[in-house]
């Protein structure tokens, strides 16, 4: 006897289908393929740029050819996202991913539209909230338009509440606080010192969640510069920790440079010079030159005889 007009053998066939054949599972498989294509396209583009970097410096024709090649490659991926979302308009994760893809095209308003649509279908989507907060912060930094920053603070805080073990969200929140201290103090009703301490706490938690992340450790160490009085020993310890996490020579040089800054801030000139000597020759040349001049100027002021 058919059930609700559906023949029994069809119901049996449906029940025996493998999980990947269910509509939601099929959508996930399709999205995974698109994400792989997205990632591969970005890797290909980076490879093209690296292969032709010498030619690109001197040849406008080569730059135009590569620009067309990149547009074509990204256009293929964009079409895959749009086709997928036309078939699955309420797929929040797909919209979050498409929004992130659009930021690579520097189409940030279109990206924000995708994240808003994701939140409409899934109000608890932490990734969309994080991306919106980051987008607002980027626009504020670029264009000095800060009226949307309260939305950024709220979105980032909600993302953290929804996904408290996501180190990236805490790192991004601390970055917002450090980048826009005036607006953050007003929004959170904190003093400047309390705000810096809040940023340090968020970064410390992020370091616990991502203990080998150099960028988080470096931002934690750099945040000590905003404290008055400056906690020299804590800052140096933090930079030593960041340096130990460095995986590239550029990161190691940055840690040494910032240790020199921290030593100089506390008038530890010999230690500052030692940190600079540990850097590779030519690395951060202008900054090293400025620091050496600042060390010399501090020494001169300190040794200048006092007027009778």
Protein backbone atom coordinates (compact mmCIF):
# COMPACT_ATOMS: atom_id res chain seq x y z
CA UNK A 1 0.00 0.00 0.00
CA UNK A 2 1.50 3.37 -1.00
CA UNK A 3 2.25 5.75 1.88
CA UNK A 4 0.99 9.30 1.22
CA UNK A 5 0.92 8.46 -2.45
CA UNK A 6 4.57 7.32 -2.52
CA UNK A 7 5.13 3.72 -3.65
CA UNK A 8 6.75 1.55 -0.97
CA UNK A 9 9.71 0.60 -3.16
CA UNK A 10 10.60 4.30 -3.63
CA UNK A 11 10.49 4.89 0.13
CA UNK A 12 12.77 1.88 0.60
CA UNK A 13 15.14 3.19 -2.06
CA UNK A 14 15.28 6.62 -0.37
CA UNK A 15 16.07 5.05 3.01
CA UNK A 16 18.86 2.98 1.48
CA UNK A 17 20.55 5.94 -0.22
CA UNK A 18 24.00 6.77 1.19
CA UNK A 19 24.23 9.92 3.38
CA UNK A 20 25.95 11.91 0.61
CA UNK A 21 22.82 11.59 -1.49
CA UNK A 22 20.66 13.67 0.89
CA UNK A 23 20.15 17.25 -0.38
CA UNK A 24 21.95 18.93 2.55
CA UNK A 25 24.88 16.55 2.24
CA UNK A 26 25.06 17.09 -1.50
CA UNK A 27 25.22 20.84 -0.90
CA UNK A 28 28.12 20.36 1.52
CA UNK A 29 29.99 18.23 -1.02
CA UNK A 30 29.44 20.89 -3.69
CA UNK A 31 30.60 23.68 -1.37
CA UNK A 32 33.71 21.72 -0.41
CA UNK A 33 34.64 21.43 -4.09
CA UNK A 34 34.15 25.18 -4.56
CA UNK A 35 36.28 25.97 -1.50
CA UNK A 36 39.03 23.75 -2.91
CA UNK A 37 38.78 25.53 -6.26
CA UNK A 38 38.87 28.90 -4.45
CA UNK A 39 42.01 27.95 -2.55
CA UNK A 40 43.67 26.49 -5.65
CA UNK A 41 42.95 29.66 -7.64
CA UNK A 42 44.63 31.81 -4.99
CA UNK A 43 47.63 29.47 -4.90
CA UNK A 44 47.88 29.59 -8.70
CA UNK A 45 47.74 33.39 -8.71
CA UNK A 46 50.48 33.66 -6.09
CA UNK A 47 52.55 31.26 -8.19
CA UNK A 48 52.06 33.34 -11.35
CA UNK A 49 53.08 36.51 -9.56
CA UNK A 50 56.18 34.86 -8.12
CA UNK A 51 57.19 33.37 -11.46
CA UNK A 52 56.91 36.69 -13.30
CA UNK A 53 57.91 39.14 -10.55
CA UNK A 54 61.01 40.33 -12.43
CA UNK A 55 59.14 40.87 -15.71
CA UNK A 56 56.22 42.55 -13.96
CA UNK A 57 58.49 45.29 -12.59
CA UNK A 58 59.42 46.53 -16.06
CA UNK A 59 56.74 45.37 -18.49
CA UNK A 60 53.29 47.04 -18.56
CA UNK A 61 52.22 44.45 -21.16
CA UNK A 62 53.11 41.61 -18.80
CA UNK A 63 51.15 43.29 -16.00
CA UNK A 64 48.10 43.68 -18.24
CA UNK A 65 48.34 40.07 -19.40
CA UNK A 66 48.61 38.78 -15.84
CA UNK A 67 45.73 41.00 -14.67
CA UNK A 68 43.51 39.49 -17.38
CA UNK A 69 44.65 35.99 -16.46
CA UNK A 70 43.83 36.63 -12.79
CA UNK A 71 40.41 38.14 -13.58
CA UNK A 72 39.55 35.13 -15.73
CA UNK A 73 40.69 32.65 -13.08
CA UNK A 74 38.77 34.35 -10.27
CA UNK A 75 35.77 34.82 -12.54
CA UNK A 76 35.50 31.05 -12.91
CA UNK A 77 35.42 30.60 -9.13
CA UNK A 78 32.95 33.45 -8.71
CA UNK A 79 30.59 31.78 -11.15
CA UNK A 80 30.77 28.55 -9.13
CA UNK A 81 29.79 30.40 -5.95
CA UNK A 82 26.92 32.22 -7.65
CA UNK A 83 25.58 29.03 -9.21
CA UNK A 84 25.75 27.28 -5.84
CA UNK A 85 23.97 30.09 -3.98
CA UNK A 86 21.29 30.32 -6.65
CA UNK A 87 20.53 26.67 -5.93
CA UNK A 88 20.99 27.05 -2.14
CA UNK A 89 20.07 30.67 -1.30
CA UNK A 90 19.79 30.02 2.45
CA UNK A 91 23.15 28.27 2.80
CA UNK A 92 24.81 30.50 5.43
CA UNK A 93 28.25 28.90 5.26
CA UNK A 94 28.27 29.24 1.50
CA UNK A 95 27.51 32.95 1.78
CA UNK A 96 30.22 33.43 4.41
CA UNK A 97 32.73 31.73 2.11
CA UNK A 98 31.60 33.75 -0.93
CA UNK A 99 31.93 36.96 1.08
CA UNK A 100 35.49 36.04 2.00
CA UNK A 101 36.21 35.32 -1.66
CA UNK A 102 34.85 38.75 -2.63
CA UNK A 103 37.25 40.45 -0.21
CA UNK A 104 40.07 38.99 -2.30
CA UNK A 105 38.58 40.95 -5.19
CA UNK A 106 38.44 44.01 -2.89
CA UNK A 107 34.66 44.08 -3.40
CA UNK A 108 34.04 44.66 0.30
CA UNK A 109 30.50 46.00 0.09
CA UNK A 110 29.38 42.96 -1.88
CA UNK A 111 31.13 40.80 0.70
CA UNK A 112 29.28 42.51 3.54
CA UNK A 113 25.99 41.89 1.72
CA UNK A 114 26.77 38.18 1.64
CA UNK A 115 27.59 38.11 5.36
CA UNK A 116 24.36 39.95 6.18
CA UNK A 117 22.41 37.38 4.17
CA UNK A 118 24.22 34.62 6.05
CA UNK A 119 23.14 36.17 9.37
CA UNK A 120 19.58 36.54 8.13
CA UNK A 121 19.44 32.78 7.63
CA UNK A 122 21.67 31.92 10.61
CA UNK A 123 21.77 34.70 13.27
CA UNK A 124 24.25 32.69 15.32
CA UNK A 125 26.87 32.43 12.59
CA UNK A 126 30.04 33.54 14.37
CA UNK A 127 32.14 33.62 11.20
CA UNK A 128 29.78 36.11 9.53
CA UNK A 129 29.80 38.34 12.63
CA UNK A 130 33.60 38.24 12.77
CA UNK A 131 33.89 39.09 9.09
CA UNK A 132 31.49 42.03 9.37
CA UNK A 133 33.47 43.41 12.32
CA UNK A 134 36.74 43.05 10.39
CA UNK A 135 35.18 44.70 7.33
CA UNK A 136 33.99 47.72 9.34
CA UNK A 137 37.41 48.06 10.96
CA UNK A 138 39.15 47.95 7.58
CA UNK A 139 36.85 50.63 6.13
CA UNK A 140 37.32 52.82 9.22
CA UNK A 141 41.09 52.53 8.93
CA UNK A 142 41.12 53.24 5.20
CA UNK A 143 38.64 56.09 5.06
CA UNK A 144 38.58 57.39 8.65
CA UNK A 145 34.85 56.63 8.81
CA UNK A 146 34.26 55.53 12.39
CA UNK A 147 30.49 55.82 12.87
CA UNK A 148 30.00 52.07 12.29
CA UNK A 149 32.62 51.00 14.85
CA UNK A 150 30.04 50.30 17.63
CA UNK A 151 28.52 47.70 15.29
CA UNK A 152 31.98 46.21 14.81
CA UNK A 153 32.58 45.99 18.57
CA UNK A 154 29.17 44.37 19.16
CA UNK A 155 29.59 41.93 16.27
CA UNK A 156 33.04 40.86 17.43
CA UNK A 157 31.88 40.40 21.02
CA UNK A 158 28.92 38.30 19.87
CA UNK A 159 31.22 36.18 17.70
CA UNK A 160 33.38 35.50 20.76
CA UNK A 161 30.33 34.57 22.86
CA UNK A 162 29.19 32.14 20.17
CA UNK A 163 32.64 30.64 19.58
CA UNK A 164 34.72 31.31 22.71
CA UNK A 165 37.47 28.89 21.68
CA UNK A 166 38.15 30.56 18.33
CA UNK A 167 41.50 32.35 18.76
CA UNK A 168 41.05 34.41 15.59
CA UNK A 169 37.98 36.20 16.93
CA UNK A 170 39.73 37.24 20.15
CA UNK A 171 42.78 38.37 18.18
CA UNK A 172 40.59 40.46 15.88
CA UNK A 173 38.74 42.00 18.84
CA UNK A 174 42.02 43.01 20.49
CA UNK A 175 43.15 44.49 17.17
CA UNK A 176 39.97 46.58 17.02
CA UNK A 177 40.54 47.82 20.58
CA UNK A 178 44.17 48.73 19.91
CA UNK A 179 43.46 50.36 16.55
CA UNK A 180 40.52 52.49 17.69
CA UNK A 181 41.16 53.15 21.41
CA UNK A 182 39.10 56.34 21.65
CA UNK A 183 35.98 54.77 20.17
CA UNK A 184 36.53 51.53 22.10
CA UNK A 185 36.85 53.38 25.43
CA UNK A 186 33.57 55.18 24.75
CA UNK A 187 31.74 52.03 23.67
CA UNK A 188 33.00 49.82 26.50
CA UNK A 189 33.06 52.62 29.10
CA UNK A 190 36.69 51.94 30.02
CA UNK A 191 39.73 54.09 30.78
CA UNK A 192 42.69 53.86 28.40
CA UNK A 193 44.59 51.65 30.84
CA UNK A 194 41.58 49.38 31.35
CA UNK A 195 41.17 49.13 27.58
CA UNK A 196 44.80 48.07 27.10
CA UNK A 197 44.42 45.50 29.88
CA UNK A 198 41.27 44.18 28.17
CA UNK A 199 43.17 43.82 24.89
CA UNK A 200 45.99 42.00 26.70
CA UNK A 201 43.50 39.59 28.27
CA UNK A 202 41.91 38.80 24.91
CA UNK A 203 45.33 38.23 23.35
CA UNK A 204 46.48 36.11 26.28
CA UNK A 205 43.42 33.89 25.88
CA UNK A 206 44.02 33.72 22.12
CA UNK A 207 47.61 32.62 22.80
CA UNK A 208 46.32 29.82 25.01
CA UNK A 209 43.99 28.70 22.21
CA UNK A 210 46.65 29.06 19.49
CA UNK A 211 49.98 28.62 21.31
CA UNK A 212 52.18 28.53 18.20
CA UNK A 213 50.71 31.56 16.40
CA UNK A 214 53.45 34.17 15.95
CA UNK A 215 51.14 37.04 14.99
CA UNK A 216 49.03 36.71 18.12
CA UNK A 217 52.13 36.47 20.34
CA UNK A 218 53.69 39.49 18.60
CA UNK A 219 50.55 41.61 18.99
CA UNK A 220 50.40 40.64 22.67
CA UNK A 221 53.99 41.78 23.18
CA UNK A 222 53.48 45.02 21.24
CA UNK A 223 50.38 45.95 23.27
CA UNK A 224 52.55 46.48 26.37
CA UNK A 225 53.83 49.68 24.71
CA UNK A 226 50.45 51.28 25.47
CA UNK A 227 50.76 50.80 29.24
CA UNK A 228 51.97 53.61 31.51
CA UNK A 229 54.27 53.01 33.28
CA UNK A 230 55.83 50.77 30.65
CA UNK A 231 56.38 47.21 32.01
CA UNK A 232 59.79 46.65 30.44
CA UNK A 233 60.46 43.15 31.81
CA UNK A 234 57.02 41.82 30.80
CA UNK A 235 57.34 43.26 27.31
CA UNK A 236 60.79 41.75 26.76
CA UNK A 237 59.62 38.36 28.04
CA UNK A 238 56.66 38.53 25.65
CA UNK A 239 58.89 39.40 22.69
CA UNK A 240 61.26 36.55 23.53
CA UNK A 241 58.28 34.21 23.49
CA UNK A 242 57.14 35.60 20.13
CA UNK A 243 60.66 35.24 18.73
CA UNK A 244 60.72 31.60 19.78
CA UNK A 245 57.56 31.06 17.71
CA UNK A 246 58.95 32.74 14.58
CA UNK A 247 58.98 30.41 11.58
CA UNK A 248 60.41 32.84 9.03
CA UNK A 249 63.48 35.10 9.14
CA UNK A 250 61.21 38.13 8.66
CA UNK A 251 59.31 37.26 11.83
CA UNK A 252 62.53 36.75 13.79
CA UNK A 253 63.82 40.13 12.62
CA UNK A 254 60.57 41.79 13.66
CA UNK A 255 60.86 40.32 17.15
CA UNK A 256 64.45 41.60 17.50
CA UNK A 257 63.44 45.04 16.19
CA UNK A 258 60.58 45.33 18.66
CA UNK A 259 62.79 44.17 21.52
CA UNK A 260 65.11 47.03 20.61
CA UNK A 261 62.13 49.42 20.78
CA UNK A 262 61.18 48.07 24.21
CA UNK A 263 64.75 48.38 25.50
CA UNK A 264 65.03 51.93 24.15
CA UNK A 265 61.76 52.92 25.81
CA UNK A 266 63.36 52.01 29.16
CA UNK A 267 66.77 53.53 28.26
CA UNK A 268 68.51 50.14 28.07
CA UNK A 269 70.74 51.24 25.20
CA UNK A 270 73.25 48.38 25.16
CA UNK A 271 70.46 45.81 25.09
CA UNK A 272 68.72 47.75 22.31
CA UNK A 273 71.91 47.78 20.23
CA UNK A 274 72.40 44.06 20.84
CA UNK A 275 68.87 43.32 19.60
CA UNK A 276 69.51 45.33 16.43
CA UNK A 277 72.77 43.47 15.78
CA UNK A 278 70.87 40.18 15.84
CA UNK A 279 68.84 41.21 12.79
CA UNK A 280 69.83 40.27 9.25
CA UNK A 281 71.78 42.98 7.39
CA UNK A 282 69.41 45.27 5.49
CA UNK A 283 66.27 44.06 7.21
CA UNK A 284 63.94 46.96 8.10
CA UNK A 285 66.75 49.34 7.15
CA UNK A 286 64.95 52.68 7.68
CA UNK A 287 63.54 51.62 11.07
CA UNK A 288 66.92 50.34 12.25
CA UNK A 289 68.48 53.64 11.21
CA UNK A 290 65.86 55.59 13.16
CA UNK A 291 66.36 53.46 16.26
CA UNK A 292 70.13 53.85 16.15
CA UNK A 293 69.71 57.62 15.89
CA UNK A 294 67.27 57.59 18.82
CA UNK A 295 69.71 55.56 20.94
CA UNK A 296 72.50 58.03 20.17
CA UNK A 297 70.27 61.00 20.98
CA UNK A 298 69.18 59.51 24.32
CA UNK A 299 72.79 58.79 25.27
CA UNK A 300 73.82 62.31 24.38
CA UNK A 301 71.06 63.83 26.49
CA UNK A 302 71.91 61.55 29.41
CA UNK A 303 75.62 62.45 29.38
CA UNK A 304 75.21 66.16 28.71
CA UNK A 305 76.58 68.15 31.68
CA UNK A 306 73.92 69.91 33.70
CA UNK A 307 73.99 73.69 33.71
CA UNK A 308 75.33 75.17 36.97
